[in-house]
Structure formats: structure tokens, C-alpha cells
Amino acid sequence: MKQQLIKNGLVLDMKGNHKPQAKDILIEGKWIRDIRPNIEPEVDTEIIDAEGKIVMPGFVDTHRHVWESLLRHIGTDWTLLTYLDKLYYGNLGSMLTPEDSYIANLWGALEAIDAGVTTVLDWSMLETPEHADASIKGLQAAGIRAVFAHGTPGYEAYWSRDSEVRHPKDAKRVKKEYFQSDDQLLTMALAIRGPEFSSWEVTLDDIQLARELDAIASMHIGFGTWGPHDRSITRMRDAGLLDSDLNLVHVNRIQPHEYEYIAESGASLSVTPEVEMMMGHGYPATGHLHKHRGLVTLGVDVVVATAGDMFAQMKFALQAERAWQNEQRLDRGEMPEQLKMTTNDVLTFATLNGAKALKLDDKIGTLDVGKEADLLLINPASFNLFPLNHEPVGAVVQSARPENVDSVFIAGRPVKRHGKLLFDDLDGLRNKVLAASEAVFHRQAAKN
């Protein structure tokens, strides 16, 4: 079995206190076989020089609509209501062919990999079974680790507060055809509408379907003007639904005590701070759940409005929470003396916590012997990172950018090296992306 030896890296294993140490990492096949200083290579072992580079687990993005890579930048001035109106209800989101969905997911997943995201939950919107097949194959072609969250069409029949339309039963076929084994890069979730975008009876049925399929159920919930009034979290708790297999997205505007319910249940929260603050979901709930020791994770969300990297989301999450806490102290006439949320906390949200939320922490999320080798190398030689001055965690969270990602490995396979994606014919793919994107807009224009 092929061996790769990463030598002399500054290893952030995301275990314990996150103190970096100079170590080697031996990879055999897809597994991490050893981590310690001065590992002697065997014959034919590939040596990867990581001298001076940060070596850390890959980022885990727990909420992204990957297909939207085909429609990049159109939503930079959109509110949430504009976003829903433009993409859902028979609009742009319904204009993709299955081939477009393949290209969109391939391109969007490569964008994630290039920025050091090794795992993503792809919250899909699927018009037909053929779109589901194509979306899955796009993720497969990119070589990313992904949780494919099987979604619904974007039509009003599905997306209304009184919808009685159940989640498409094609999810059962998809599970059988693509996800019978958990020993693969792609696993399955359900992207359900939840009690604020469908009827209560549908929510019950959709969560039950997810549990029959042994799949996480991910839903947008608890935000906007309806968030404080619907009491959806309390309702789900009282019905015995809250559990660790639920991934709750946004949850910006619920009652304060409901965050404690989430934390007690083990359900995860996907905070998408940049988009939430921009589009009007509400203020990011990062600190509300974190203070109850709940499972906080981060996601990019919609790449029609922002870039698909986790560096930006870490900074947005951290500074939004710090600003909120500092403002409260200032309002009390006190100067802040210390910052309660740390860079260590946020880097954990973006790695280990994400892995836990997606039920993958036995495989990824930390660098540990016996886990799969999902990791990245960050080169600190550029102006924004050099010198590190012994604070690599702070450097990654506060200063790093996608262009600092030197190398990415997923299940031991190099997918980016020396700053370049290892993907054949990127120029040809760019041409296909551009053609597909223009075709979608042409179809929309013809419809109108």
C-alpha cells in the first residue's frame, strides 16, 4: 500500500489544547498510520516536505448549496426574500438541466477543495431523479468528501407553510443506489423543509423518512420575523423529535431558552454568519448555543452571494460574536477586559465540530492515528501570514486566505499540491461552466 510521509510540519491536530507541534505524519493508503517527530521512511515512501508549513485537518462546511456555483455573484445585493423569489418557485433554480447540475456540483466542490474544505454538506434542490444522479456524480468527480443532502424541488407546492407534499420517495432509490456503504467519501442526508417551510405533518413524516434511511435531517429553521413566534424548537422538543441526527440551520431568532434545548438534545447548529447578516436571517446565533456547550458548526451557505471558503466564515462568526459581547459590556459602562470566544473555539467549529455534526468524527475532524487523512498544508510565507510568531491558530482564523492553502489531501489522496488543483483540464471545465451558466440565464429570460 502506498505510503506518504509529511515531514517536519507544524501540526495542529485539533485535539486537546490545540498547541502546534513539529511532527511527521505517515499516511498509508487513506489512513493516518503514525504521527510523531522523526519518522524514518520506508523504501519507496513519498516524502512531502512541510518544513515551516501548518498541517491541520481539512475544513468541514456543514451547509452549502453547492449547485449555486453556476450562478455566482448574482445575489450580492439580495435579501433573503429576494433570494427565495429569484431562485425558488419555478425560477432560476428550476432552469438547470441534469448536465448543468453535474457541472455545477463539480465546479462548486472544486472551489471548496481549493480553499481547504475537504468535507461539505451539499444542501441540494432537486427537480427530478436525474438531477439527483447528476449532482451526486458531480461530487464524485471532484473527489471531495461530501454529505449529499437529498432535497426537494423548489416549487411552491413544496415550499409553503401549509404544504402537505411529502419529501420525494426517490430518496429511497438514491440511498439504495449510491449510499449502501458508509465506507466511502459520499454519505447521505435529507435536506428537509422543516416546520417553517411545510406543514407540521410533513415535518414529522420527513424526519421519520430520514431516520428510516439512517440519514441526518437538515433543515432551515428559527430565523426571520417568524423565528421568535413559531417556537419551532420547543414544538419539536415537546414532540420528542430533537436529537443528534438533526442539523438545524441558522436558528438566529428563537427564544433564549430554546438554545438550551438544542444543546441538551445533541442536535447541531449550522451558522452561516456572512449570509445571515447580509440577507436578514438575523444575528448569528454562535454564542447563544456555544455558552450552553452546544454543537456549533459553520457553513458558507449561498455562493450566489459570497465566496466559498471557510476562512471568511470563521472571521465573520468570531468578530460578530465578539462585537455583540463587547457592545453589551460597553452599554453597561464597562470596557471589555477579555474576549470570551477564542480563535481556538472557532477553528474547532470549522473542523471537529463539523465532523461530529455530520457523524464523521470517527473518520475526520482531528489528525489522529487510525483516522482518514483529510488534511491541508498552509504555507505561511506570504505577507499576510509571515512571521507566525508561534500563533498558528490565530493566523489560520484571523489572517489566512484560500491562496495560502498549499496542499489538500482527502482520504490520503492529494487533490491540491503546491497551490494547484490536481484536476485534469480545468480550462475545459471553465468553458463548460460558462456555457451552462449562460444557458440557465437564457432559459430564465425566455420564460419571462
Protein backbone atom coordinates (compact mmCIF):
# COMPACT_ATOMS: atom_id res chain seq x y z
CA MET A 1 0.00 0.00 0.00
CA LYS A 2 1.35 3.42 -0.96
CA GLN A 3 2.93 5.46 1.84
CA GLN A 4 3.31 9.23 2.04
CA LEU A 5 5.33 10.92 4.75
CA ILE A 6 4.67 14.56 5.58
CA LYS A 7 7.91 15.74 7.18
CA ASN A 8 8.57 18.49 9.69
CA GLY A 9 5.18 20.19 9.59
CA LEU A 10 3.80 22.40 12.32
CA VAL A 11 0.92 20.09 13.24
CA LEU A 12 -2.39 21.40 14.56
CA ASP A 13 -4.13 18.14 15.35
CA MET A 14 -7.26 19.85 16.87
CA LYS A 15 -7.04 17.63 19.95
CA GLY A 16 -6.83 18.91 23.49
CA ASN A 17 -5.49 22.44 23.76
CA HIS A 18 -4.59 22.76 20.06
CA LYS A 19 -0.94 23.55 20.74
CA PRO A 20 1.01 23.08 17.49
CA GLN A 21 3.99 20.76 17.46
CA ALA A 22 6.66 19.94 14.91
CA LYS A 23 5.89 16.37 13.82
CA ASP A 24 5.79 13.99 10.87
CA ILE A 25 2.62 12.32 9.62
CA LEU A 26 2.74 8.93 7.94
CA ILE A 27 -0.12 8.19 5.56
CA GLU A 28 -0.71 4.67 4.27
CA GLY A 29 -3.45 4.45 1.67
CA LYS A 30 -6.22 6.60 3.10
CA TRP A 31 -5.22 6.16 6.73
CA ILE A 32 -3.03 8.10 9.12
CA ARG A 33 -0.68 5.42 10.44
CA ASP A 34 1.67 7.45 12.64
CA ILE A 35 2.18 10.97 13.99
CA ARG A 36 5.38 11.80 15.83
CA PRO A 37 8.71 13.52 15.33
CA ASN A 38 11.42 11.95 13.20
CA ILE A 39 9.58 9.08 11.48
CA GLU A 40 12.01 7.14 9.32
CA PRO A 41 10.58 6.47 5.85
CA GLU A 42 10.50 3.01 4.33
CA VAL A 43 11.69 2.32 0.80
CA ASP A 44 9.51 3.93 -1.89
CA THR A 45 7.73 6.21 0.59
CA GLU A 46 6.89 9.57 -0.97
CA ILE A 47 8.36 12.39 1.11
CA ILE A 48 6.35 15.62 1.36
CA ASP A 49 8.39 18.49 2.75
CA ALA A 50 6.21 20.52 5.13
CA GLU A 51 9.02 22.49 6.75
CA GLY A 52 7.56 25.73 8.08
CA LYS A 53 4.02 24.88 6.96
CA ILE A 54 0.93 24.45 9.11
CA VAL A 55 -0.57 20.96 8.84
CA MET A 56 -4.18 20.73 10.04
CA PRO A 57 -7.44 18.86 9.48
CA GLY A 58 -9.47 19.89 6.47
CA PHE A 59 -12.36 22.26 6.95
CA VAL A 60 -15.86 20.83 7.31
CA ASP A 61 -18.60 23.02 5.81
CA THR A 62 -21.94 21.85 7.22
CA HIS A 63 -24.22 23.92 4.98
CA ARG A 64 -23.68 24.85 1.35
CA HIS A 65 -25.90 24.91 -1.72
CA VAL A 66 -23.14 23.65 -3.99
CA TRP A 67 -25.12 23.91 -7.25
CA GLU A 68 -25.29 27.69 -6.91
CA SER A 69 -21.68 27.91 -8.13
CA LEU A 70 -23.24 28.16 -11.60
CA LEU A 71 -24.96 31.44 -10.67
CA ARG A 72 -22.13 33.12 -8.83
CA HIS A 73 -22.35 36.78 -7.67
CA ILE A 74 -25.95 37.45 -8.68
CA GLY A 75 -27.11 37.68 -5.06
CA THR A 76 -24.60 40.14 -3.62
CA ASP A 77 -27.35 42.73 -3.05
CA TRP A 78 -30.20 40.34 -2.27
CA THR A 79 -32.23 39.96 0.89
CA LEU A 80 -33.47 36.54 1.92
CA LEU A 81 -36.88 37.23 0.38
CA THR A 82 -35.27 38.26 -2.92
CA TYR A 83 -33.11 35.15 -2.84
CA LEU A 84 -36.11 32.86 -2.41
CA ASP A 85 -38.07 34.67 -5.10
CA LYS A 86 -35.25 34.61 -7.65
CA LEU A 87 -34.12 31.01 -7.16
CA TYR A 88 -37.24 29.15 -6.00
CA TYR A 89 -40.86 28.92 -7.13
CA GLY A 90 -40.05 27.91 -10.69
CA ASN A 91 -37.34 30.49 -11.21
CA LEU A 92 -33.56 30.13 -11.73
CA GLY A 93 -33.22 27.04 -9.56
CA SER A 94 -35.58 25.13 -11.84
CA MET A 95 -33.71 26.08 -15.02
CA LEU A 96 -30.79 23.66 -14.65
CA THR A 97 -30.68 20.51 -16.73
CA PRO A 98 -29.21 17.40 -15.12
CA GLU A 99 -25.99 18.07 -17.04
CA ASP A 100 -25.95 21.59 -15.60
CA SER A 101 -26.33 20.12 -12.11
CA TYR A 102 -23.36 17.83 -12.72
CA ILE A 103 -21.19 20.73 -13.86
CA ALA A 104 -22.37 22.99 -11.04
CA ASN A 105 -21.63 20.45 -8.32
CA LEU A 106 -18.27 19.55 -9.82
CA TRP A 107 -17.23 23.20 -10.08
CA GLY A 108 -18.61 24.12 -6.66
CA ALA A 109 -16.89 21.16 -4.99
CA LEU A 110 -13.57 22.04 -6.63
CA GLU A 111 -13.94 25.58 -5.32
CA ALA A 112 -14.34 24.13 -1.82
CA ILE A 113 -11.30 21.86 -2.17
CA ASP A 114 -9.15 24.69 -3.48
CA ALA A 115 -9.91 26.64 -0.28
CA GLY A 116 -9.10 23.73 2.03
CA VAL A 117 -12.65 22.43 2.54
CA THR A 118 -12.34 18.64 2.50
CA THR A 119 -15.94 17.89 3.57
CA VAL A 120 -19.16 19.66 2.68
CA LEU A 121 -22.84 19.05 3.33
CA ASP A 122 -24.43 19.73 -0.05
CA TRP A 123 -27.96 21.02 0.62
CA SER A 124 -29.50 20.25 -2.75
CA MET A 125 -32.62 21.35 -4.59
CA LEU A 126 -33.63 18.56 -6.98
CA GLU A 127 -36.12 18.90 -9.79
CA THR A 128 -36.04 15.24 -10.90
CA PRO A 129 -34.35 11.92 -10.07
CA GLU A 130 -31.99 12.64 -12.97
CA HIS A 131 -30.88 15.83 -11.25
CA ALA A 132 -30.12 13.83 -8.11
CA ASP A 133 -27.98 11.36 -10.05
CA ALA A 134 -26.10 14.14 -11.81
CA SER A 135 -25.48 16.11 -8.61
CA ILE A 136 -24.04 13.06 -6.88
CA LYS A 137 -21.80 12.28 -9.84
CA GLY A 138 -20.52 15.86 -9.84
CA LEU A 139 -19.41 15.49 -6.23
CA GLN A 140 -17.84 12.14 -7.01
CA ALA A 141 -15.90 13.56 -9.95
CA ALA A 142 -14.47 16.33 -7.77
CA GLY A 143 -13.08 13.84 -5.25
CA ILE A 144 -14.45 15.70 -2.24
CA ARG A 145 -15.83 14.11 0.90
CA ALA A 146 -19.47 15.12 1.00
CA VAL A 147 -22.76 14.53 2.70
CA PHE A 148 -25.29 14.70 -0.10
CA ALA A 149 -28.44 16.17 1.43
CA HIS A 150 -31.23 14.99 -0.84
CA GLY A 151 -33.65 17.87 -1.34
CA THR A 152 -36.98 18.75 -2.89
CA PRO A 153 -37.96 20.71 -5.99
CA GLY A 154 -38.15 24.44 -5.38
CA TYR A 155 -41.79 24.87 -6.32
CA GLU A 156 -44.44 26.47 -4.12
CA ALA A 157 -46.26 23.15 -3.77
CA TYR A 158 -43.30 22.06 -1.65
CA TRP A 159 -42.19 25.39 -0.16
CA SER A 160 -45.14 26.83 1.76
CA ARG A 161 -46.05 26.77 5.40
CA ASP A 162 -49.09 24.61 4.75
CA SER A 163 -47.57 22.25 2.19
CA GLU A 164 -48.80 18.67 2.52
CA VAL A 165 -46.38 17.31 -0.10
CA ARG A 166 -44.01 14.76 1.43
CA HIS A 167 -40.31 14.51 0.68
CA PRO A 168 -39.77 12.75 -2.67
CA LYS A 169 -39.72 9.00 -2.23
CA ASP A 170 -36.91 8.89 -4.78
CA ALA A 171 -34.69 9.41 -1.74
CA LYS A 172 -35.08 5.69 -1.06
CA ARG A 173 -33.77 4.83 -4.52
CA VAL A 174 -30.87 7.22 -4.10
CA LYS A 175 -29.96 5.66 -0.75
CA LYS A 176 -30.05 2.14 -2.22
CA GLU A 177 -28.17 3.02 -5.39
CA TYR A 178 -25.41 5.27 -4.03
CA PHE A 179 -25.18 5.02 -0.25
CA GLN A 180 -25.40 1.42 0.91
CA SER A 181 -21.92 1.63 2.41
CA ASP A 182 -20.62 4.22 4.86
CA ASP A 183 -17.06 3.31 3.87
CA GLN A 184 -16.92 5.85 1.03
CA LEU A 185 -16.37 9.55 0.51
CA LEU A 186 -20.05 10.30 -0.05
CA THR A 187 -22.73 9.71 2.56
CA MET A 188 -26.37 10.75 2.64
CA ALA A 189 -28.63 13.19 4.48
CA LEU A 190 -32.07 14.58 3.79
CA ALA A 191 -32.49 18.29 3.09
CA ILE A 192 -35.97 18.67 4.53
CA ARG A 193 -38.07 21.83 4.66
CA GLY A 194 -38.92 21.68 8.35
CA PRO A 195 -41.92 23.14 10.18
CA GLU A 196 -41.46 26.69 8.87
CA PHE A 197 -41.49 25.75 5.18
CA SER A 198 -44.02 22.90 5.22
CA SER A 199 -46.85 21.65 7.40
CA TRP A 200 -46.20 20.05 10.77
CA GLU A 201 -47.40 16.69 9.49
CA VAL A 202 -44.92 16.84 6.62
CA THR A 203 -42.09 17.66 9.01
CA LEU A 204 -42.94 14.61 11.12
CA ASP A 205 -43.05 12.43 8.02
CA ASP A 206 -39.80 13.81 6.59
CA ILE A 207 -37.87 13.30 9.82
CA GLN A 208 -39.22 9.77 10.04
CA LEU A 209 -38.08 9.11 6.47
CA ALA A 210 -34.60 10.37 7.32
CA ARG A 211 -34.43 8.03 10.29
CA GLU A 212 -35.60 5.10 8.20
CA LEU A 213 -32.73 5.87 5.82
CA ASP A 214 -30.25 6.31 8.71
CA ALA A 215 -29.61 9.82 7.41
CA ILE A 216 -29.15 13.19 9.07
CA ALA A 217 -32.12 15.52 8.57
CA SER A 218 -31.02 19.10 7.86
CA MET A 219 -33.49 22.00 7.87
CA HIS A 220 -33.59 25.80 7.81
CA ILE A 221 -35.35 26.87 10.98
CA GLY A 222 -35.82 29.61 13.57
CA PHE A 223 -34.92 32.78 11.67
CA GLY A 224 -36.52 35.84 10.10
CA THR A 225 -39.59 37.55 11.52
CA TRP A 226 -41.30 34.22 12.19
CA GLY A 227 -38.46 32.74 14.23
CA PRO A 228 -39.37 34.22 17.65
CA HIS A 229 -43.08 33.44 17.28
CA ASP A 230 -43.24 29.93 15.79
CA ARG A 231 -41.48 28.31 18.76
CA SER A 232 -40.45 25.52 16.39
CA ILE A 233 -37.63 24.27 18.61
CA THR A 234 -39.94 23.97 21.63
CA ARG A 235 -42.55 22.25 19.49
CA MET A 236 -40.02 19.75 18.18
CA ARG A 237 -38.68 19.13 21.68
CA ASP A 238 -42.15 18.55 23.09
CA ALA A 239 -42.83 16.08 20.28
CA GLY A 240 -39.66 14.14 21.08
CA LEU A 241 -38.07 14.99 17.74
CA LEU A 242 -34.92 16.84 18.80
CA ASP A 243 -31.94 14.53 18.62
CA SER A 244 -28.34 14.38 17.46
CA ASP A 245 -29.37 13.34 13.94
CA LEU A 246 -30.90 16.77 13.28
CA ASN A 247 -28.86 19.56 11.71
CA LEU A 248 -30.52 22.92 12.37
CA VAL A 249 -29.54 25.73 10.02
CA HIS A 250 -29.44 29.42 11.05
CA VAL A 251 -31.68 29.43 14.20
CA ASN A 252 -30.97 33.13 14.66
CA ARG A 253 -34.22 34.30 16.26
CA ILE A 254 -35.61 31.77 18.68
CA GLN A 255 -36.42 32.16 22.38
CA PRO A 256 -33.26 32.21 24.55
CA HIS A 257 -34.16 29.05 26.48
CA GLU A 258 -34.58 27.12 23.22
CA TYR A 259 -30.81 27.15 22.65
CA GLU A 260 -30.51 25.09 25.81
CA TYR A 261 -32.98 22.59 24.36
CA ILE A 262 -30.81 22.27 21.26
CA ALA A 263 -27.65 21.78 23.31
CA GLU A 264 -29.27 19.15 25.53
CA SER A 265 -30.52 17.18 22.52
CA GLY A 266 -27.15 16.99 20.77
CA ALA A 267 -28.59 18.47 17.58
CA SER A 268 -26.09 20.56 15.62
CA LEU A 269 -26.34 24.19 14.57
CA SER A 270 -25.00 25.35 11.22
CA VAL A 271 -24.15 29.03 11.47
CA THR A 272 -23.63 30.77 8.12
CA PRO A 273 -22.63 34.16 9.53
CA GLU A 274 -21.82 36.17 6.44
CA VAL A 275 -25.03 35.38 4.58
CA GLU A 276 -27.18 35.61 7.72
CA MET A 277 -26.02 39.13 8.49
CA MET A 278 -26.31 40.19 4.87
CA MET A 279 -29.68 38.74 3.89
CA GLY A 280 -31.75 39.32 7.02
CA HIS A 281 -31.94 35.93 8.71
CA GLY A 282 -30.96 37.57 11.99
CA TYR A 283 -27.81 37.97 14.06
CA PRO A 284 -25.63 34.83 14.07
CA ALA A 285 -26.51 32.55 16.98
CA THR A 286 -22.94 31.32 17.51
CA GLY A 287 -22.57 32.49 21.09
CA HIS A 288 -26.11 31.62 22.17
CA LEU A 289 -25.51 27.91 21.61
CA HIS A 290 -21.82 27.90 22.47
CA LYS A 291 -22.47 29.14 26.01
CA HIS A 292 -24.62 26.04 26.55
CA ARG A 293 -21.81 23.87 25.13
CA GLY A 294 -23.91 23.02 22.12
CA LEU A 295 -22.55 21.74 18.83
CA VAL A 296 -21.81 24.88 16.82
CA THR A 297 -20.59 24.43 13.23
CA LEU A 298 -20.01 26.74 10.27
CA GLY A 299 -21.18 26.84 6.68
CA VAL A 300 -20.81 29.04 3.61
CA ASP A 301 -24.45 28.72 2.52
CA VAL A 302 -25.10 30.53 -0.78
CA VAL A 303 -22.26 31.17 -3.20
CA VAL A 304 -24.54 33.45 -5.23
CA ALA A 305 -23.73 35.99 -2.50
CA THR A 306 -20.26 35.15 -1.16
CA ALA A 307 -17.12 33.16 -1.88
CA GLY A 308 -16.96 29.50 -0.94
CA ASP A 309 -14.22 29.47 1.67
CA MET A 310 -14.31 28.89 5.40
CA PHE A 311 -11.66 31.45 6.28
CA ALA A 312 -14.20 34.22 5.75
CA GLN A 313 -16.86 32.39 7.75
CA MET A 314 -14.54 31.88 10.70
CA LYS A 315 -13.72 35.58 10.78
CA PHE A 316 -17.35 36.64 10.39
CA ALA A 317 -18.50 34.27 13.14
CA LEU A 318 -15.79 35.31 15.54
CA GLN A 319 -15.97 39.06 15.06
CA ALA A 320 -19.77 39.17 15.01
CA GLU A 321 -19.89 37.39 18.37
CA ARG A 322 -17.10 39.49 19.83
CA ALA A 323 -18.77 42.69 18.66
CA TRP A 324 -22.05 41.62 20.26
CA GLN A 325 -20.43 40.74 23.59
CA ASN A 326 -18.27 43.86 23.64
CA GLU A 327 -21.23 46.11 22.86
CA GLN A 328 -23.16 44.66 25.80
CA ARG A 329 -20.27 45.47 28.13
CA LEU A 330 -19.95 48.96 26.74
CA ASP A 331 -23.68 49.53 27.23
CA ARG A 332 -23.13 48.67 30.91
CA GLY A 333 -20.40 51.28 31.10
CA GLU A 334 -17.62 48.69 31.18
CA MET A 335 -14.60 48.32 28.94
CA PRO A 336 -14.09 44.73 27.71
CA GLU A 337 -11.17 43.15 29.51
CA GLN A 338 -11.05 39.79 27.75
CA LEU A 339 -12.61 38.08 24.74
CA LYS A 340 -14.81 35.13 25.68
CA MET A 341 -14.84 33.46 22.27
CA THR A 342 -11.39 32.46 21.04
CA THR A 343 -9.75 31.57 17.78
CA ASN A 344 -9.41 28.02 19.15
CA ASP A 345 -13.18 27.86 19.56
CA VAL A 346 -13.86 28.96 16.01
CA LEU A 347 -11.28 26.65 14.44
CA THR A 348 -12.98 23.80 16.34
CA PHE A 349 -16.36 24.85 14.90
CA ALA A 350 -14.85 24.63 11.40
CA THR A 351 -13.20 21.22 11.84
CA LEU A 352 -14.01 18.79 14.67
CA ASN A 353 -17.49 20.12 15.43
CA GLY A 354 -18.42 19.91 11.77
CA ALA A 355 -17.25 16.31 11.66
CA LYS A 356 -19.32 15.49 14.75
CA ALA A 357 -22.43 17.12 13.29
CA LEU A 358 -22.14 15.05 10.11
CA LYS A 359 -21.47 11.83 12.06
CA LEU A 360 -17.98 11.60 10.57
CA ASP A 361 -15.81 12.30 13.61
CA ASP A 362 -14.70 8.67 13.73
CA LYS A 363 -13.03 9.33 10.36
CA ILE A 364 -12.10 13.02 10.23
CA GLY A 365 -12.05 16.28 12.18
CA THR A 366 -8.75 15.73 14.01
CA LEU A 367 -5.37 14.42 12.94
CA ASP A 368 -5.11 11.13 14.77
CA VAL A 369 -3.70 7.68 14.13
CA GLY A 370 -6.40 5.46 12.66
CA LYS A 371 -8.39 8.28 11.11
CA GLU A 372 -8.56 9.01 7.42
CA ALA A 373 -6.06 11.53 6.08
CA ASP A 374 -8.21 14.58 5.34
CA LEU A 375 -5.76 17.39 5.87
CA LEU A 376 -4.28 20.52 4.42
CA LEU A 377 -0.97 22.32 4.39
CA ILE A 378 -0.96 26.10 4.77
CA ASN A 379 2.07 27.99 3.56
CA PRO A 380 2.78 30.95 5.86
CA ALA A 381 5.43 32.53 3.64
CA SER A 382 3.14 35.24 2.24
CA PHE A 383 2.83 38.77 3.64
CA ASN A 384 -0.49 38.11 5.39
CA LEU A 385 0.90 35.21 7.47
CA PHE A 386 4.64 35.70 7.89
CA PRO A 387 6.01 35.56 10.55
CA LEU A 388 3.78 33.21 12.54
CA ASN A 389 5.37 34.11 15.86
CA HIS A 390 4.13 30.87 17.45
CA GLU A 391 0.43 31.70 16.95
CA PRO A 392 -0.64 29.45 14.06
CA VAL A 393 -4.24 29.06 15.31
CA GLY A 394 -4.73 32.80 15.32
CA ALA A 395 -3.02 33.03 11.94
CA VAL A 396 -5.37 30.49 10.36
CA VAL A 397 -8.53 32.05 11.76
CA GLN A 398 -7.73 35.75 11.51
CA SER A 399 -5.30 36.13 8.63
CA ALA A 400 -5.26 33.16 6.27
CA ARG A 401 -6.94 33.13 2.86
CA PRO A 402 -7.60 30.41 0.27
CA GLU A 403 -4.47 31.32 -1.66
CA ASN A 404 -2.40 30.27 1.37
CA VAL A 405 -3.59 26.67 1.01
CA ASP A 406 -0.59 24.86 -0.42
CA SER A 407 -1.84 21.27 -0.40
CA VAL A 408 -5.03 19.33 0.28
CA PHE A 409 -5.41 15.60 0.91
CA ILE A 410 -8.74 13.77 1.07
CA ALA A 411 -8.67 10.18 2.30
CA GLY A 412 -4.93 10.22 1.70
CA ARG A 413 -5.25 11.29 -1.92
CA PRO A 414 -3.57 14.56 -2.91
CA VAL A 415 -6.11 16.80 -4.63
CA LYS A 416 -4.09 20.02 -4.45
CA ARG A 417 -0.31 20.37 -4.38
CA HIS A 418 1.97 23.40 -4.43
CA GLY A 419 -1.01 25.71 -4.73
CA LYS A 420 -2.53 23.98 -7.78
CA LEU A 421 -5.59 21.73 -8.02
CA LEU A 422 -4.76 18.28 -9.36
CA PHE A 423 -7.68 18.15 -11.78
CA ASP A 424 -7.36 17.45 -15.48
CA ASP A 425 -8.41 20.14 -17.94
CA LEU A 426 -9.60 22.91 -15.65
CA ASP A 427 -9.71 25.24 -18.66
CA GLY A 428 -12.09 22.89 -20.44
CA LEU A 429 -14.27 22.70 -17.34
CA ARG A 430 -14.34 26.51 -17.10
CA ASN A 431 -15.70 26.66 -20.63
CA LYS A 432 -18.45 24.18 -19.72
CA VAL A 433 -19.31 26.14 -16.57
CA LEU A 434 -19.60 29.39 -18.52
CA ALA A 435 -21.76 27.81 -21.20
CA ALA A 436 -24.04 26.16 -18.65
CA SER A 437 -24.38 29.37 -16.65
CA GLU A 438 -25.31 31.41 -19.70
CA ALA A 439 -27.82 28.76 -20.78
CA VAL A 440 -29.60 28.94 -17.42
CA PHE A 441 -30.00 32.70 -17.69
CA HIS A 442 -31.17 32.40 -21.30
CA ARG A 443 -33.86 29.93 -20.26
CA GLN A 444 -35.00 32.25 -17.50
CA ALA A 445 -35.16 35.20 -19.91
CA ALA A 446 -37.14 33.16 -22.42
CA LYS A 447 -39.61 32.16 -19.71
CA ASN A 448 -40.21 35.77 -18.77
